[in-house]
Amino acid sequence: MSNKLTPTKAKMELAVQQTKLARFQAKLQTLVAVIPELADANKLKNFQIRAAGIDSTHLDFQAALNRILELNQYVEEEEQITGDIEQSQAFEDLLYQIKEALLDHAPAPVQAPPAEPVTTTKGPQIIGPRISPSIRRHFQKRRKVGHPNVQRCIEICAGSGVSHGNDACYQYEGCLVT
């Protein structure tokens, strides 16, 4: 069987590409439909929960950001399949705008009580803050491009009180690879 492009093969290839494009656009439409809900500041604040008298991480806010990271991964995979860089770039720009809108309405970070020094034979050690999963995932993605200070950036950003993978924190410390 020859690899020569025939009208039938061309039609089949076109149909495959159109199916991929339709799937891609369906994802985009689904995302666009939920933007107003995600960006509604009052709705985000209403979901804030309290446990044992201490504000915990904003679960729905975190879920929204995680969804954006998942969609970003999907866009990268689709770009490799279709080779349509322009379409995937437009999609990534939209995801970035949604993420920024979410960060604008982020619940205020809760100030945790200062960590107690842990005394050992080597002297006191300060227990650092818990690193949020979104910050860890953000830097795992950055690690692929070989940034040398990934762990240091995670520690700085996690300790800054700026939560949920705020790019301003990374840029401030020179951690964001562009």
N, C-alpha and C. Protein backbone atom coordinates (compact mmCIF):
# COMPACT_ATOMS: atom_id res chain seq x y z
N MET A 1 0.85 -1.19 0.00
CA MET A 1 0.00 0.00 0.00
C MET A 1 0.89 1.24 0.00
N SER A 2 0.59 2.16 -0.85
CA SER A 2 1.43 3.33 -1.02
C SER A 2 1.10 4.42 0.00
N ASN A 3 2.10 5.25 0.31
CA ASN A 3 1.90 6.37 1.23
C ASN A 3 1.44 7.62 0.49
N LYS A 4 1.24 7.49 -0.80
CA LYS A 4 0.84 8.65 -1.61
C LYS A 4 -0.53 9.15 -1.15
N LEU A 5 -0.65 10.47 -1.04
CA LEU A 5 -1.90 11.07 -0.57
C LEU A 5 -2.94 11.04 -1.68
N THR A 6 -4.00 10.31 -1.44
CA THR A 6 -5.10 10.23 -2.40
C THR A 6 -6.25 11.09 -1.89
N PRO A 7 -7.23 11.42 -2.73
CA PRO A 7 -8.37 12.19 -2.26
C PRO A 7 -9.06 11.55 -1.05
N THR A 8 -9.15 10.21 -1.07
CA THR A 8 -9.80 9.51 0.05
C THR A 8 -8.99 9.69 1.32
N LYS A 9 -7.67 9.51 1.23
CA LYS A 9 -6.80 9.69 2.41
C LYS A 9 -6.85 11.13 2.90
N ALA A 10 -6.86 12.05 1.99
CA ALA A 10 -6.91 13.47 2.35
C ALA A 10 -8.19 13.78 3.12
N LYS A 11 -9.33 13.22 2.63
CA LYS A 11 -10.61 13.44 3.31
C LYS A 11 -10.59 12.84 4.71
N MET A 12 -10.01 11.64 4.82
CA MET A 12 -9.94 10.99 6.13
C MET A 12 -9.09 11.81 7.09
N GLU A 13 -7.94 12.28 6.61
CA GLU A 13 -7.05 13.10 7.45
C GLU A 13 -7.74 14.38 7.87
N LEU A 14 -8.47 15.00 6.94
CA LEU A 14 -9.20 16.22 7.25
C LEU A 14 -10.27 15.95 8.31
N ALA A 15 -10.97 14.82 8.17
CA ALA A 15 -12.01 14.46 9.15
C ALA A 15 -11.41 14.26 10.54
N VAL A 16 -10.24 13.63 10.60
CA VAL A 16 -9.56 13.42 11.89
C VAL A 16 -9.20 14.76 12.51
N GLN A 17 -8.63 15.67 11.71
CA GLN A 17 -8.25 16.97 12.23
C GLN A 17 -9.46 17.77 12.67
N GLN A 18 -10.57 17.67 11.94
CA GLN A 18 -11.78 18.39 12.32
C GLN A 18 -12.35 17.86 13.63
N THR A 19 -12.27 16.54 13.82
CA THR A 19 -12.73 15.93 15.07
C THR A 19 -11.89 16.44 16.24
N LYS A 20 -10.58 16.48 16.05
CA LYS A 20 -9.69 16.98 17.10
C LYS A 20 -9.99 18.43 17.42
N LEU A 21 -10.23 19.22 16.37
CA LEU A 21 -10.53 20.63 16.56
C LEU A 21 -11.86 20.79 17.30
N ALA A 22 -12.86 19.98 16.93
CA ALA A 22 -14.17 20.06 17.59
C ALA A 22 -14.04 19.72 19.07
N ARG A 23 -13.23 18.70 19.38
CA ARG A 23 -13.02 18.30 20.78
C ARG A 23 -12.33 19.44 21.56
N PHE A 24 -11.36 20.04 20.91
CA PHE A 24 -10.61 21.15 21.49
C PHE A 24 -11.55 22.33 21.78
N GLN A 25 -12.41 22.65 20.79
CA GLN A 25 -13.33 23.78 20.95
C GLN A 25 -14.39 23.48 22.00
N ALA A 26 -14.81 22.22 22.14
CA ALA A 26 -15.79 21.86 23.15
C ALA A 26 -15.22 22.11 24.55
N LYS A 27 -13.96 21.74 24.74
CA LYS A 27 -13.29 22.01 26.02
C LYS A 27 -13.27 23.51 26.30
N LEU A 28 -12.94 24.28 25.26
CA LEU A 28 -12.87 25.73 25.41
C LEU A 28 -14.23 26.30 25.80
N GLN A 29 -15.30 25.83 25.14
CA GLN A 29 -16.64 26.34 25.45
C GLN A 29 -17.05 25.98 26.87
N THR A 30 -16.71 24.78 27.31
CA THR A 30 -17.02 24.37 28.68
C THR A 30 -16.33 25.29 29.67
N LEU A 31 -15.07 25.59 29.38
CA LEU A 31 -14.31 26.45 30.27
C LEU A 31 -14.89 27.87 30.30
N VAL A 32 -15.21 28.39 29.13
CA VAL A 32 -15.77 29.74 29.05
C VAL A 32 -17.07 29.83 29.84
N ALA A 33 -17.86 28.75 29.81
CA ALA A 33 -19.15 28.75 30.51
C ALA A 33 -19.00 28.87 32.02
N VAL A 34 -17.87 28.39 32.57
CA VAL A 34 -17.72 28.44 34.03
C VAL A 34 -16.92 29.64 34.52
N ILE A 35 -16.40 30.47 33.60
CA ILE A 35 -15.60 31.61 34.04
C ILE A 35 -16.36 32.51 35.00
N PRO A 36 -17.60 32.96 34.68
CA PRO A 36 -18.28 33.87 35.60
C PRO A 36 -18.46 33.27 36.98
N GLU A 37 -18.71 31.97 37.03
CA GLU A 37 -18.90 31.31 38.32
C GLU A 37 -17.60 31.31 39.12
N LEU A 38 -16.48 31.01 38.43
CA LEU A 38 -15.20 30.94 39.13
C LEU A 38 -14.74 32.32 39.58
N ALA A 39 -15.04 33.34 38.76
CA ALA A 39 -14.53 34.68 39.05
C ALA A 39 -15.45 35.48 39.98
N ASP A 40 -16.56 34.88 40.41
CA ASP A 40 -17.49 35.58 41.29
C ASP A 40 -16.89 35.63 42.70
N ALA A 41 -16.43 36.80 43.09
CA ALA A 41 -15.72 36.95 44.37
C ALA A 41 -16.58 36.53 45.55
N ASN A 42 -17.85 36.93 45.54
CA ASN A 42 -18.72 36.59 46.67
C ASN A 42 -18.90 35.09 46.80
N LYS A 43 -19.06 34.44 45.67
CA LYS A 43 -19.25 32.99 45.68
C LYS A 43 -18.00 32.31 46.25
N LEU A 44 -16.84 32.80 45.83
CA LEU A 44 -15.60 32.20 46.35
C LEU A 44 -15.51 32.39 47.86
N LYS A 45 -15.84 33.60 48.33
CA LYS A 45 -15.75 33.87 49.77
C LYS A 45 -16.75 33.03 50.55
N ASN A 46 -17.93 32.80 49.96
CA ASN A 46 -18.96 32.03 50.66
C ASN A 46 -18.54 30.59 50.92
N PHE A 47 -17.63 30.08 50.11
CA PHE A 47 -17.22 28.69 50.28
C PHE A 47 -16.11 28.52 51.32
N GLN A 48 -15.62 29.63 51.83
CA GLN A 48 -14.52 29.51 52.79
C GLN A 48 -14.99 28.74 54.02
N ILE A 49 -14.21 27.82 54.51
CA ILE A 49 -14.65 27.00 55.64
C ILE A 49 -13.75 27.23 56.84
N ARG A 50 -14.30 26.88 58.01
CA ARG A 50 -13.53 26.97 59.26
C ARG A 50 -13.51 25.59 59.90
N ALA A 51 -12.36 25.19 60.35
CA ALA A 51 -12.26 23.90 61.04
C ALA A 51 -11.46 24.13 62.32
N ALA A 52 -12.04 23.71 63.44
CA ALA A 52 -11.42 23.89 64.76
C ALA A 52 -11.02 25.34 65.00
N GLY A 53 -11.85 26.27 64.47
CA GLY A 53 -11.61 27.69 64.71
C GLY A 53 -10.50 28.28 63.86
N ILE A 54 -9.94 27.50 62.95
CA ILE A 54 -8.84 28.01 62.11
C ILE A 54 -9.29 27.94 60.65
N ASP A 55 -9.11 29.04 59.91
CA ASP A 55 -9.46 29.02 58.49
C ASP A 55 -8.56 28.02 57.77
N SER A 56 -9.16 27.15 57.02
CA SER A 56 -8.35 26.20 56.25
C SER A 56 -8.25 26.68 54.81
N THR A 57 -7.51 25.95 54.00
CA THR A 57 -7.35 26.32 52.59
C THR A 57 -8.71 26.39 51.92
N HIS A 58 -8.86 27.33 51.05
CA HIS A 58 -10.12 27.52 50.33
C HIS A 58 -10.25 26.39 49.31
N LEU A 59 -11.12 25.42 49.63
CA LEU A 59 -11.16 24.19 48.84
C LEU A 59 -11.61 24.42 47.40
N ASP A 60 -12.66 25.23 47.22
CA ASP A 60 -13.17 25.42 45.86
C ASP A 60 -12.20 26.26 45.03
N PHE A 61 -11.56 27.22 45.69
CA PHE A 61 -10.57 28.04 45.01
C PHE A 61 -9.42 27.16 44.52
N GLN A 62 -8.95 26.30 45.44
CA GLN A 62 -7.84 25.40 45.10
C GLN A 62 -8.26 24.47 43.97
N ALA A 63 -9.49 23.97 44.03
CA ALA A 63 -9.97 23.06 42.98
C ALA A 63 -10.00 23.77 41.63
N ALA A 64 -10.41 25.04 41.63
CA ALA A 64 -10.46 25.79 40.38
C ALA A 64 -9.07 25.95 39.78
N LEU A 65 -8.10 26.26 40.62
CA LEU A 65 -6.72 26.41 40.12
C LEU A 65 -6.17 25.07 39.63
N ASN A 66 -6.49 24.01 40.37
CA ASN A 66 -6.03 22.68 39.94
C ASN A 66 -6.61 22.33 38.58
N ARG A 67 -7.88 22.69 38.37
CA ARG A 67 -8.54 22.42 37.08
C ARG A 67 -7.82 23.17 35.96
N ILE A 68 -7.41 24.40 36.24
CA ILE A 68 -6.69 25.19 35.24
C ILE A 68 -5.36 24.51 34.89
N LEU A 69 -4.67 24.01 35.91
CA LEU A 69 -3.40 23.32 35.65
C LEU A 69 -3.64 22.06 34.80
N GLU A 70 -4.75 21.33 35.09
CA GLU A 70 -5.07 20.14 34.30
C GLU A 70 -5.34 20.53 32.84
N LEU A 71 -6.12 21.59 32.66
CA LEU A 71 -6.46 22.03 31.31
C LEU A 71 -5.22 22.49 30.56
N ASN A 72 -4.31 23.13 31.29
CA ASN A 72 -3.06 23.57 30.67
C ASN A 72 -2.28 22.36 30.14
N GLN A 73 -2.25 21.30 30.94
CA GLN A 73 -1.58 20.07 30.53
C GLN A 73 -2.25 19.49 29.29
N TYR A 74 -3.57 19.53 29.29
CA TYR A 74 -4.34 19.03 28.14
C TYR A 74 -3.98 19.82 26.88
N VAL A 75 -3.88 21.15 27.02
CA VAL A 75 -3.55 22.00 25.88
C VAL A 75 -2.18 21.63 25.31
N GLU A 76 -1.22 21.39 26.20
CA GLU A 76 0.12 21.02 25.74
C GLU A 76 0.08 19.70 24.97
N GLU A 77 -0.71 18.74 25.49
CA GLU A 77 -0.81 17.44 24.81
C GLU A 77 -1.48 17.60 23.43
N GLU A 78 -2.55 18.41 23.38
CA GLU A 78 -3.24 18.63 22.10
C GLU A 78 -2.32 19.30 21.09
N GLU A 79 -1.49 20.22 21.57
CA GLU A 79 -0.57 20.92 20.67
C GLU A 79 0.39 19.92 20.02
N GLN A 80 0.84 18.94 20.82
CA GLN A 80 1.75 17.93 20.27
C GLN A 80 1.04 17.06 19.24
N ILE A 81 -0.26 16.78 19.48
CA ILE A 81 -1.02 15.93 18.56
C ILE A 81 -1.33 16.68 17.26
N THR A 82 -1.88 17.89 17.41
CA THR A 82 -2.37 18.62 16.22
C THR A 82 -1.31 19.50 15.58
N GLY A 83 -0.32 19.92 16.37
CA GLY A 83 0.69 20.83 15.84
C GLY A 83 0.18 22.26 15.68
N ASP A 84 -1.01 22.53 16.24
CA ASP A 84 -1.63 23.85 16.09
C ASP A 84 -1.18 24.75 17.25
N ILE A 85 -0.03 25.39 17.07
CA ILE A 85 0.56 26.21 18.12
C ILE A 85 -0.28 27.45 18.38
N GLU A 86 -0.81 28.05 17.32
CA GLU A 86 -1.59 29.28 17.47
C GLU A 86 -2.84 29.06 18.32
N GLN A 87 -3.54 27.96 18.05
CA GLN A 87 -4.76 27.65 18.80
C GLN A 87 -4.44 27.37 20.27
N SER A 88 -3.40 26.58 20.52
CA SER A 88 -3.07 26.25 21.90
C SER A 88 -2.56 27.47 22.65
N GLN A 89 -1.86 28.38 21.96
CA GLN A 89 -1.39 29.60 22.62
C GLN A 89 -2.57 30.47 23.04
N ALA A 90 -3.59 30.55 22.18
CA ALA A 90 -4.79 31.33 22.51
C ALA A 90 -5.48 30.72 23.73
N PHE A 91 -5.51 29.40 23.76
CA PHE A 91 -6.15 28.70 24.88
C PHE A 91 -5.36 28.93 26.17
N GLU A 92 -4.03 28.84 26.09
CA GLU A 92 -3.20 29.07 27.27
C GLU A 92 -3.34 30.51 27.77
N ASP A 93 -3.46 31.47 26.85
CA ASP A 93 -3.67 32.87 27.25
C ASP A 93 -4.98 33.02 28.02
N LEU A 94 -6.02 32.31 27.55
CA LEU A 94 -7.31 32.37 28.24
C LEU A 94 -7.18 31.76 29.64
N LEU A 95 -6.51 30.62 29.74
CA LEU A 95 -6.31 29.99 31.05
C LEU A 95 -5.57 30.93 32.00
N TYR A 96 -4.57 31.63 31.46
CA TYR A 96 -3.80 32.56 32.28
C TYR A 96 -4.70 33.69 32.79
N GLN A 97 -5.57 34.21 31.92
CA GLN A 97 -6.48 35.29 32.34
C GLN A 97 -7.43 34.82 33.43
N ILE A 98 -7.92 33.59 33.28
CA ILE A 98 -8.83 33.05 34.30
C ILE A 98 -8.07 32.88 35.63
N LYS A 99 -6.85 32.38 35.54
CA LYS A 99 -6.06 32.19 36.76
C LYS A 99 -5.83 33.53 37.46
N GLU A 100 -5.52 34.55 36.67
CA GLU A 100 -5.31 35.89 37.25
C GLU A 100 -6.60 36.40 37.90
N ALA A 101 -7.75 36.17 37.24
CA ALA A 101 -9.03 36.60 37.82
C ALA A 101 -9.28 35.88 39.15
N LEU A 102 -8.95 34.60 39.18
CA LEU A 102 -9.12 33.84 40.43
C LEU A 102 -8.20 34.39 41.51
N LEU A 103 -6.95 34.65 41.15
CA LEU A 103 -5.99 35.15 42.14
C LEU A 103 -6.40 36.52 42.67
N ASP A 104 -7.04 37.34 41.80
CA ASP A 104 -7.52 38.65 42.25
C ASP A 104 -8.55 38.50 43.37
N HIS A 105 -9.31 37.39 43.33
CA HIS A 105 -10.37 37.18 44.32
C HIS A 105 -9.98 36.12 45.36
N ALA A 106 -8.70 35.83 45.44
CA ALA A 106 -8.26 34.79 46.36
C ALA A 106 -8.59 35.17 47.80
N PRO A 107 -8.99 34.17 48.59
CA PRO A 107 -9.21 34.46 50.01
C PRO A 107 -7.88 34.88 50.63
N ALA A 108 -7.95 35.78 51.60
CA ALA A 108 -6.73 36.28 52.23
C ALA A 108 -6.01 35.12 52.91
N PRO A 109 -4.69 35.06 52.78
CA PRO A 109 -3.96 33.98 53.44
C PRO A 109 -4.10 34.10 54.96
N VAL A 110 -4.28 32.96 55.60
CA VAL A 110 -4.44 32.94 57.05
C VAL A 110 -3.06 32.99 57.68
N GLN A 111 -2.90 33.91 58.62
CA GLN A 111 -1.61 34.02 59.32
C GLN A 111 -1.54 32.92 60.39
N ALA A 112 -0.67 31.98 60.19
CA ALA A 112 -0.51 30.91 61.16
C ALA A 112 0.32 31.42 62.33
N PRO A 113 0.10 30.86 63.51
CA PRO A 113 0.94 31.26 64.64
C PRO A 113 2.39 30.89 64.34
N PRO A 114 3.34 31.69 64.87
CA PRO A 114 4.75 31.39 64.58
C PRO A 114 5.12 29.98 65.02
N ALA A 115 5.93 29.33 64.22
CA ALA A 115 6.34 27.96 64.53
C ALA A 115 7.26 27.97 65.75
N GLU A 116 7.05 26.97 66.57
CA GLU A 116 7.90 26.84 67.76
C GLU A 116 9.25 26.27 67.33
N PRO A 117 10.34 26.85 67.87
CA PRO A 117 11.65 26.26 67.55
C PRO A 117 11.74 24.84 68.12
N VAL A 118 12.29 23.92 67.34
CA VAL A 118 12.48 22.56 67.81
C VAL A 118 13.92 22.44 68.26
N THR A 119 14.11 22.18 69.55
CA THR A 119 15.46 22.13 70.09
C THR A 119 16.04 20.73 69.93
N THR A 120 17.21 20.67 69.33
CA THR A 120 17.92 19.40 69.19
C THR A 120 19.33 19.63 69.70
N THR A 121 20.13 18.60 69.64
CA THR A 121 21.51 18.75 70.09
C THR A 121 22.29 19.68 69.16
N LYS A 122 21.80 19.89 67.93
CA LYS A 122 22.48 20.76 66.98
C LYS A 122 21.99 22.19 67.07
N GLY A 123 21.06 22.48 67.98
CA GLY A 123 20.53 23.84 68.10
C GLY A 123 19.10 23.90 67.59
N PRO A 124 18.46 25.08 67.73
CA PRO A 124 17.06 25.20 67.34
C PRO A 124 16.87 25.14 65.82
N GLN A 125 15.76 24.55 65.42
CA GLN A 125 15.41 24.49 64.01
C GLN A 125 13.98 24.99 63.87
N ILE A 126 13.74 25.82 62.86
CA ILE A 126 12.39 26.34 62.62
C ILE A 126 11.69 25.41 61.62
N ILE A 127 10.48 25.01 61.97
CA ILE A 127 9.70 24.19 61.04
C ILE A 127 9.05 25.13 60.03
N GLY A 128 9.30 24.90 58.76
CA GLY A 128 8.79 25.78 57.72
C GLY A 128 7.31 25.54 57.46
N PRO A 129 6.69 26.42 56.67
CA PRO A 129 5.27 26.29 56.35
C PRO A 129 5.02 25.12 55.41
N ARG A 130 3.81 24.63 55.43
CA ARG A 130 3.42 23.55 54.52
C ARG A 130 3.37 24.11 53.09
N ILE A 131 3.93 23.37 52.16
CA ILE A 131 3.95 23.82 50.76
C ILE A 131 2.67 23.34 50.10
N SER A 132 1.92 24.27 49.53
CA SER A 132 0.63 23.89 48.93
C SER A 132 0.88 23.06 47.67
N PRO A 133 -0.06 22.15 47.37
CA PRO A 133 0.10 21.29 46.18
C PRO A 133 0.22 22.10 44.89
N SER A 134 -0.49 23.24 44.82
CA SER A 134 -0.44 24.01 43.56
C SER A 134 0.96 24.59 43.35
N ILE A 135 1.60 25.05 44.42
CA ILE A 135 2.97 25.57 44.30
C ILE A 135 3.91 24.44 43.89
N ARG A 136 3.73 23.28 44.53
CA ARG A 136 4.60 22.14 44.20
C ARG A 136 4.43 21.75 42.73
N ARG A 137 3.16 21.65 42.23
CA ARG A 137 2.92 21.28 40.84
C ARG A 137 3.49 22.33 39.90
N HIS A 138 3.33 23.61 40.29
CA HIS A 138 3.83 24.70 39.45
C HIS A 138 5.33 24.53 39.23
N PHE A 139 6.04 24.23 40.31
CA PHE A 139 7.49 24.11 40.20
C PHE A 139 7.91 22.79 39.57
N GLN A 140 7.10 21.75 39.71
CA GLN A 140 7.43 20.51 39.02
C GLN A 140 7.41 20.76 37.52
N LYS A 141 6.46 21.57 37.08
CA LYS A 141 6.39 21.91 35.66
C LYS A 141 7.62 22.74 35.27
N ARG A 142 8.01 23.69 36.13
CA ARG A 142 9.18 24.52 35.84
C ARG A 142 10.46 23.68 35.83
N ARG A 143 10.48 22.63 36.67
CA ARG A 143 11.69 21.82 36.77
C ARG A 143 12.05 21.20 35.43
N LYS A 144 11.04 20.96 34.59
CA LYS A 144 11.29 20.35 33.28
C LYS A 144 12.24 21.18 32.44
N VAL A 145 12.23 22.51 32.65
CA VAL A 145 13.11 23.34 31.85
C VAL A 145 14.45 23.58 32.56
N GLY A 146 14.65 22.87 33.69
CA GLY A 146 15.96 22.85 34.31
C GLY A 146 16.30 24.06 35.16
N HIS A 147 15.31 24.65 35.83
CA HIS A 147 15.63 25.78 36.71
C HIS A 147 16.40 25.28 37.92
N PRO A 148 17.54 25.91 38.24
CA PRO A 148 18.41 25.36 39.30
C PRO A 148 17.89 25.58 40.73
N ASN A 149 17.01 26.55 40.95
CA ASN A 149 16.64 26.89 42.32
C ASN A 149 15.21 26.50 42.66
N VAL A 150 14.74 25.38 42.12
CA VAL A 150 13.34 25.01 42.30
C VAL A 150 12.98 24.88 43.78
N GLN A 151 13.74 24.09 44.54
CA GLN A 151 13.38 23.87 45.94
C GLN A 151 13.46 25.16 46.73
N ARG A 152 14.46 25.98 46.48
CA ARG A 152 14.59 27.26 47.19
C ARG A 152 13.39 28.16 46.88
N CYS A 153 12.98 28.18 45.62
CA CYS A 153 11.84 29.00 45.24
C CYS A 153 10.58 28.53 45.93
N ILE A 154 10.40 27.22 46.01
CA ILE A 154 9.23 26.67 46.70
C ILE A 154 9.22 27.14 48.15
N GLU A 155 10.37 27.06 48.81
CA GLU A 155 10.45 27.46 50.22
C GLU A 155 10.15 28.94 50.40
N ILE A 156 10.74 29.77 49.54
CA ILE A 156 10.53 31.22 49.64
C ILE A 156 9.06 31.55 49.42
N CYS A 157 8.49 30.99 48.36
CA CYS A 157 7.11 31.33 48.02
C CYS A 157 6.13 30.77 49.02
N ALA A 158 6.42 29.59 49.55
CA ALA A 158 5.52 29.01 50.55
C ALA A 158 5.60 29.82 51.85
N GLY A 159 6.76 30.37 52.14
CA GLY A 159 6.93 31.12 53.38
C GLY A 159 6.53 32.58 53.28
N SER A 160 6.17 33.04 52.08
CA SER A 160 5.91 34.48 51.90
C SER A 160 4.50 34.87 52.28
N GLY A 161 3.62 33.86 52.52
CA GLY A 161 2.22 34.19 52.80
C GLY A 161 1.42 34.39 51.53
N VAL A 162 2.08 34.31 50.37
CA VAL A 162 1.36 34.42 49.10
C VAL A 162 1.02 32.99 48.69
N SER A 163 -0.26 32.70 48.58
CA SER A 163 -0.65 31.31 48.38
C SER A 163 -1.09 31.03 46.95
N HIS A 164 -1.34 29.76 46.69
CA HIS A 164 -1.93 29.28 45.43
C HIS A 164 -1.10 29.60 44.20
N GLY A 165 0.21 29.54 44.29
CA GLY A 165 1.03 29.65 43.09
C GLY A 165 1.01 31.01 42.44
N ASN A 166 1.05 32.07 43.25
CA ASN A 166 1.01 33.43 42.69
C ASN A 166 2.31 33.73 41.97
N ASP A 167 2.23 34.00 40.66
CA ASP A 167 3.43 34.23 39.85
C ASP A 167 4.25 35.41 40.33
N ALA A 168 3.58 36.40 40.93
CA ALA A 168 4.31 37.59 41.41
C ALA A 168 5.38 37.18 42.42
N CYS A 169 5.06 36.18 43.23
CA CYS A 169 6.03 35.71 44.22
C CYS A 169 7.24 35.11 43.53
N TYR A 170 7.00 34.31 42.50
CA TYR A 170 8.12 33.68 41.80
C TYR A 170 8.98 34.72 41.09
N GLN A 171 8.30 35.69 40.48
CA GLN A 171 9.04 36.72 39.74
C GLN A 171 9.88 37.56 40.71
N TYR A 172 9.32 37.81 41.88
CA TYR A 172 10.03 38.61 42.87
C TYR A 172 11.35 37.96 43.24
N GLU A 173 11.33 36.65 43.38
CA GLU A 173 12.55 35.95 43.76
C GLU A 173 13.34 35.47 42.54
N GLY A 174 12.89 35.85 41.35
CA GLY A 174 13.59 35.43 40.15
C GLY A 174 13.43 33.95 39.85
N CYS A 175 12.33 33.38 40.35
CA CYS A 175 12.14 31.94 40.21
C CYS A 175 11.39 31.56 38.95
N LEU A 176 10.65 32.47 38.40
CA LEU A 176 9.77 32.11 37.28
C LEU A 176 10.58 32.02 35.99
N VAL A 177 10.52 30.87 35.37
CA VAL A 177 11.21 30.69 34.10
C VAL A 177 10.26 31.07 32.99
N THR A 178 10.67 32.01 32.16
CA THR A 178 9.77 32.45 31.08
C THR A 178 10.32 32.00 29.74
